[in-house]
Amino acid sequence: MRVRKAVFPAAGWGTRFLPATKAQPKEMLPVVDTPAIQLVVEEAVRAGITDILIITGRNKRSIEDHFDRAVELEMFLEDKGKFDELKQMRSLSEMAEIHYIRQGEALGLGHAVGMAEMHVGGEPFAVLLGDDLIHHSVPLLAEMLRTYETHGRSVIAGMEVPHEDIAFYGCITPESVDEHLARVVSIVEKPDPAEAPSDLAAIGRYVFSPDIFSTLRQLKPGRGGEIQLTDAINIVAQEQTVYAYRFDHGRFDVGNKLDYLKATVELAIERDDIGPAFRRYLADVVARNDR
């Protein structure tokens, strides 16, 4: 069955980027000149997703405003003859059918995903986390959707991370199927590295069958007193096959300050408008600081 819906949990506080996120959502932090959440929405659209549900919370209204029409701004741009910018602004409200629902209390990622049940209905769906940016050259989501459509089973993205970093992720115990695909034997949330069964981390892209909702409804709070999506995946994996789709590059954790800077630099140097000058500037900065 073709996957046409995606869920974007965006209700978190973004504490790792305080004070910048005190008055604006972390999802709206710009990577060069584009909010992070827009880059993730564009990724979903490139993969063929046409229906998007964003789970928001308090102080997240700017996300809705960003993807809405801004008639006064459009009129201003048209009057000034800024037609490229006008086209860009109009495309934001036309790239997909975008819906919103508010998570009244931050009870965990599993709780946020569970709130999408009525919208998703009985269809398979993708979940994309805005903290994880995937470079546009890496067709990760498209490959995961293809895997789901081939096998009819849930698929999560998996990436090897440094052993000491596995404590920040859901940790997958894999059973290899082929070069990219593994069966999820089990998955545990943020294990102590000394007890971690592997270094294969669950990264913020998922494709689920609607069966996940019945598991989420029955789930008790786990680590941190929250409804953990990882716990639900682990339960499902004991009852039916869940796949991990392995990839090894093109991911930026923009909730991490260093990765946020890496994403900004790498995407900037690729651009035709500022890339050449920015590359020269970076080379000069490195040369000066190496003296």
Protein backbone atom coordinates (compact mmCIF):
# COMPACT_ATOMS: atom_id res chain seq x y z
CA MET A 1 0.00 0.00 0.00
CA ARG A 2 1.38 3.42 -0.96
CA VAL A 3 2.35 5.67 1.93
CA ARG A 4 0.99 9.16 1.40
CA LYS A 5 0.82 10.62 4.95
CA ALA A 6 3.53 11.82 7.31
CA VAL A 7 3.54 12.96 10.93
CA PHE A 8 5.94 15.61 12.23
CA PRO A 9 6.18 15.77 16.06
CA ALA A 10 7.09 19.39 16.84
CA ALA A 11 5.90 20.03 20.39
CA GLY A 12 9.21 19.81 22.31
CA TRP A 13 10.81 22.67 24.20
CA GLY A 14 14.15 22.71 22.38
CA THR A 15 16.10 23.19 25.61
CA ARG A 16 19.44 22.37 23.97
CA PHE A 17 19.22 25.66 22.05
CA LEU A 18 18.18 27.99 24.84
CA PRO A 19 18.07 30.98 24.91
CA ALA A 20 17.43 31.01 21.13
CA THR A 21 14.37 28.76 21.59
CA LYS A 22 12.86 30.66 24.51
CA ALA A 23 10.55 32.62 22.20
CA GLN A 24 10.71 30.65 18.94
CA PRO A 25 10.32 26.97 18.11
CA LYS A 26 13.53 25.01 17.58
CA GLU A 27 11.99 23.78 14.32
CA MET A 28 12.07 27.35 13.01
CA LEU A 29 15.80 27.86 13.58
CA PRO A 30 17.23 28.73 10.15
CA VAL A 31 19.78 26.65 8.28
CA VAL A 32 21.23 29.51 6.23
CA ASP A 33 17.86 31.09 5.31
CA THR A 34 15.47 28.13 5.54
CA PRO A 35 13.80 26.91 8.74
CA ALA A 36 14.83 23.37 9.66
CA ILE A 37 11.24 22.11 9.55
CA GLN A 38 10.83 23.36 5.98
CA LEU A 39 13.83 21.29 4.89
CA VAL A 40 12.25 18.20 6.46
CA VAL A 41 8.87 18.90 4.85
CA GLU A 42 10.62 19.27 1.48
CA GLU A 43 12.27 15.89 2.06
CA ALA A 44 8.88 14.28 2.63
CA VAL A 45 7.43 15.91 -0.48
CA ARG A 46 10.37 14.71 -2.62
CA ALA A 47 9.61 11.17 -1.42
CA GLY A 48 6.00 11.46 -2.60
CA ILE A 49 4.25 12.39 0.66
CA THR A 50 1.23 14.60 -0.03
CA ASP A 51 -0.50 14.81 3.39
CA ILE A 52 1.38 16.12 6.44
CA LEU A 53 0.26 16.41 10.07
CA ILE A 54 2.39 18.55 12.37
CA ILE A 55 1.99 17.93 16.11
CA THR A 56 2.54 21.32 17.74
CA GLY A 57 2.48 22.73 21.25
CA ARG A 58 2.58 26.06 23.05
CA ASN A 59 4.58 28.83 21.36
CA LYS A 60 4.56 26.97 18.04
CA ARG A 61 2.19 29.24 16.13
CA SER A 62 5.01 30.50 13.91
CA ILE A 63 5.21 27.04 12.31
CA GLU A 64 1.62 27.34 11.13
CA ASP A 65 2.21 30.91 9.98
CA HIS A 66 5.27 29.84 8.01
CA PHE A 67 3.35 27.37 5.85
CA ASP A 68 0.31 29.66 5.49
CA ARG A 69 -0.31 32.33 2.88
CA ALA A 70 1.03 35.80 3.71
CA VAL A 71 -1.08 37.96 1.43
CA GLU A 72 0.37 41.31 2.51
CA LEU A 73 3.93 40.06 1.99
CA GLU A 74 3.01 38.63 -1.41
CA MET A 75 1.49 41.95 -2.47
CA PHE A 76 4.61 43.80 -1.30
CA LEU A 77 6.90 41.46 -3.24
CA GLU A 78 4.74 41.76 -6.36
CA ASP A 79 4.72 45.57 -6.15
CA LYS A 80 8.52 45.59 -5.82
CA GLY A 81 8.95 43.22 -8.76
CA LYS A 82 10.54 40.55 -6.55
CA PHE A 83 8.97 37.70 -8.50
CA ASP A 84 11.45 34.98 -7.53
CA GLU A 85 10.80 35.65 -3.85
CA LEU A 86 7.06 35.82 -4.53
CA LYS A 87 7.12 32.40 -6.18
CA GLN A 88 9.10 31.00 -3.26
CA MET A 89 6.63 32.35 -0.68
CA ARG A 90 3.60 31.00 -2.52
CA SER A 91 5.18 27.58 -2.88
CA LEU A 92 5.30 27.20 0.93
CA SER A 93 1.52 26.94 1.17
CA GLU A 94 1.24 24.75 -1.93
CA MET A 95 3.94 22.08 -1.42
CA ALA A 96 1.63 19.71 0.48
CA GLU A 97 -1.65 19.50 2.35
CA ILE A 98 -0.55 20.45 5.87
CA HIS A 99 -2.66 19.92 9.00
CA TYR A 100 -2.01 20.69 12.66
CA ILE A 101 -3.00 19.30 16.03
CA ARG A 102 -1.77 20.50 19.42
CA GLN A 103 -0.20 18.24 22.03
CA GLY A 104 -1.48 19.88 25.21
CA GLU A 105 1.17 18.28 27.43
CA ALA A 106 4.61 16.99 26.46
CA LEU A 107 4.21 13.32 27.43
CA GLY A 108 6.80 11.89 25.09
CA LEU A 109 7.39 11.09 21.43
CA GLY A 110 5.16 8.02 21.59
CA HIS A 111 2.30 10.14 22.92
CA ALA A 112 2.79 12.71 20.16
CA VAL A 113 2.71 10.03 17.45
CA GLY A 114 -0.36 8.46 19.07
CA MET A 115 -2.22 11.74 18.69
CA ALA A 116 -2.09 11.27 14.91
CA GLU A 117 -4.29 8.16 14.95
CA MET A 118 -7.54 9.83 13.93
CA HIS A 119 -5.88 11.74 11.10
CA VAL A 120 -3.91 8.76 9.81
CA GLY A 121 -6.84 6.37 10.04
CA GLY A 122 -6.03 2.86 8.87
CA GLU A 123 -3.21 3.87 6.52
CA PRO A 124 0.54 3.37 6.81
CA PHE A 125 2.39 6.59 7.56
CA ALA A 126 5.85 8.08 7.97
CA VAL A 127 7.21 9.92 11.01
CA LEU A 128 9.93 12.52 10.53
CA LEU A 129 11.73 14.26 13.39
CA GLY A 130 12.81 17.82 12.73
CA ASP A 131 16.00 17.42 14.78
CA ASP A 132 17.40 15.12 12.11
CA LEU A 133 18.19 16.72 8.76
CA ILE A 134 18.99 14.37 5.90
CA HIS A 135 20.98 15.81 2.99
CA HIS A 136 18.85 16.13 -0.13
CA SER A 137 21.24 13.86 -2.05
CA VAL A 138 20.44 10.91 0.28
CA PRO A 139 17.09 9.27 -0.69
CA LEU A 140 16.66 7.72 2.76
CA LEU A 141 12.93 8.26 3.16
CA ALA A 142 12.17 7.21 -0.41
CA GLU A 143 14.08 3.96 0.15
CA MET A 144 12.26 3.34 3.42
CA LEU A 145 8.89 3.89 1.74
CA ARG A 146 9.88 1.48 -1.02
CA THR A 147 10.87 -1.09 1.61
CA TYR A 148 7.51 -0.75 3.34
CA GLU A 149 5.61 -1.06 0.07
CA THR A 150 7.62 -4.19 -0.80
CA HIS A 151 7.37 -5.99 2.55
CA GLY A 152 4.30 -4.43 4.19
CA ARG A 153 6.14 -4.06 7.52
CA SER A 154 7.30 -1.11 9.59
CA VAL A 155 10.74 0.32 8.83
CA ILE A 156 13.00 2.51 10.98
CA ALA A 157 16.18 4.28 9.93
CA GLY A 158 19.40 2.95 11.48
CA MET A 159 22.86 4.47 11.53
CA GLU A 160 26.07 3.37 13.26
CA VAL A 161 27.18 5.93 15.85
CA PRO A 162 30.29 6.14 18.07
CA HIS A 163 29.89 3.65 20.90
CA GLU A 164 29.81 6.30 23.62
CA ASP A 165 27.00 8.14 21.79
CA ILE A 166 24.57 5.21 21.75
CA ALA A 167 23.31 6.41 25.15
CA PHE A 168 21.52 9.24 23.32
CA TYR A 169 19.53 6.99 20.97
CA GLY A 170 17.26 4.04 20.65
CA CYS A 171 19.69 1.12 20.25
CA ILE A 172 18.82 -1.61 17.73
CA THR A 173 19.78 -5.26 18.00
CA PRO A 174 19.90 -6.14 14.27
CA GLU A 175 19.71 -9.38 12.31
CA SER A 176 21.11 -8.74 8.85
CA VAL A 177 18.89 -9.32 5.80
CA ASP A 178 20.99 -7.65 3.10
CA GLU A 179 23.42 -4.75 2.64
CA HIS A 180 20.95 -2.12 3.80
CA LEU A 181 18.21 -4.05 5.56
CA ALA A 182 18.15 -5.75 8.95
CA ARG A 183 15.40 -7.24 11.08
CA VAL A 184 14.95 -5.49 14.41
CA VAL A 185 15.40 -8.24 16.99
CA SER A 186 14.90 -5.68 19.76
CA ILE A 187 15.34 -1.98 20.44
CA VAL A 188 16.00 -0.25 23.74
CA GLU A 189 15.88 3.46 24.58
CA LYS A 190 19.16 5.18 25.52
CA PRO A 191 21.09 2.27 27.02
CA ASP A 192 24.27 2.54 29.02
CA PRO A 193 27.05 2.03 26.44
CA ALA A 194 28.46 -0.78 28.57
CA GLU A 195 25.18 -2.67 28.12
CA ALA A 196 24.32 -1.65 24.56
CA PRO A 197 23.87 -4.63 22.22
CA SER A 198 25.17 -2.70 19.19
CA ASP A 199 26.10 0.75 17.91
CA LEU A 200 23.18 0.84 15.47
CA ALA A 201 21.07 3.84 16.47
CA ALA A 202 17.51 4.59 15.49
CA ILE A 203 17.53 7.90 13.60
CA GLY A 204 14.49 10.16 13.25
CA ARG A 205 12.80 8.57 10.22
CA TYR A 206 10.14 5.87 10.59
CA VAL A 207 7.52 4.25 8.39
CA PHE A 208 4.79 2.51 10.37
CA SER A 209 1.86 0.29 9.68
CA PRO A 210 -1.24 1.56 11.53
CA ASP A 211 -0.82 -1.35 13.99
CA ILE A 212 1.52 0.87 16.00
CA PHE A 213 -1.44 2.83 17.37
CA SER A 214 -2.97 -0.05 19.30
CA THR A 215 0.42 -0.61 20.96
CA LEU A 216 0.81 3.07 21.79
CA ARG A 217 -2.66 3.18 23.37
CA GLN A 218 -1.72 0.42 25.82
CA LEU A 219 1.81 1.62 26.54
CA LYS A 220 2.82 2.66 30.06
CA PRO A 221 5.27 5.53 30.65
CA GLY A 222 8.87 4.40 30.30
CA ARG A 223 12.22 6.17 30.54
CA GLY A 224 11.82 9.72 31.91
CA GLY A 225 8.18 9.05 32.75
CA GLU A 226 7.24 9.50 29.08
CA ILE A 227 5.46 7.37 26.49
CA GLN A 228 8.47 6.18 24.51
CA LEU A 229 8.07 5.41 20.80
CA THR A 230 11.06 3.07 21.13
CA ASP A 231 9.14 0.91 23.63
CA ALA A 232 6.22 0.60 21.22
CA ILE A 233 8.54 -0.40 18.36
CA ASN A 234 10.12 -3.05 20.56
CA ILE A 235 6.74 -4.57 21.41
CA VAL A 236 5.70 -4.65 17.75
CA ALA A 237 9.07 -6.21 16.80
CA GLN A 238 8.37 -9.16 19.11
CA GLU A 239 5.03 -9.80 17.37
CA GLN A 240 5.89 -9.18 13.72
CA THR A 241 8.86 -8.22 11.56
CA VAL A 242 10.14 -4.67 11.87
CA TYR A 243 12.98 -3.64 9.56
CA ALA A 244 15.89 -1.27 10.10
CA TYR A 245 17.09 0.47 6.94
CA ARG A 246 20.81 1.19 7.34
CA PHE A 247 22.45 4.33 5.97
CA ASP A 248 25.83 5.85 6.77
CA HIS A 249 26.03 9.50 5.70
CA GLY A 250 24.15 12.72 5.03
CA ARG A 251 22.59 13.14 8.49
CA PHE A 252 22.81 16.22 10.71
CA ASP A 253 21.48 16.29 14.27
CA VAL A 254 20.48 19.95 14.32
CA GLY A 255 19.50 19.67 17.97
CA ASN A 256 23.26 19.44 18.54
CA LYS A 257 25.05 22.80 18.22
CA LEU A 258 28.07 21.43 16.38
CA ASP A 259 25.94 19.47 13.89
CA TYR A 260 23.74 22.54 13.42
CA LEU A 261 26.81 24.52 12.40
CA LYS A 262 27.98 21.69 10.13
CA ALA A 263 24.60 21.62 8.37
CA THR A 264 24.66 25.39 7.91
CA VAL A 265 28.18 25.36 6.48
CA GLU A 266 27.70 22.36 4.18
CA LEU A 267 24.39 23.56 2.75
CA ALA A 268 25.77 27.08 2.34
CA ILE A 269 28.86 26.09 0.36
CA GLU A 270 26.71 24.09 -2.07
CA ARG A 271 24.63 27.11 -3.05
CA ASP A 272 25.27 28.94 -6.30
CA ASP A 273 24.52 32.38 -4.83
CA ILE A 274 26.80 32.36 -1.77
CA GLY A 275 28.76 29.11 -2.04
CA PRO A 276 31.91 30.27 -3.90
CA ALA A 277 32.43 33.38 -1.74
CA PHE A 278 31.68 31.46 1.44
CA ARG A 279 34.18 28.71 0.56
CA ARG A 280 36.88 31.36 0.04
CA TYR A 281 35.99 32.96 3.37
CA LEU A 282 36.15 29.63 5.22
CA ALA A 283 39.52 28.83 3.65
CA ASP A 284 40.83 32.21 4.79
CA VAL A 285 39.49 31.71 8.34
CA VAL A 286 41.10 28.27 8.58
CA ALA A 287 44.41 29.60 7.22
CA ARG A 288 44.47 32.49 9.70
CA ASN A 289 43.66 30.23 12.65
CA ASP A 290 46.31 27.66 11.66
CA ARG A 291 49.12 30.19 11.93
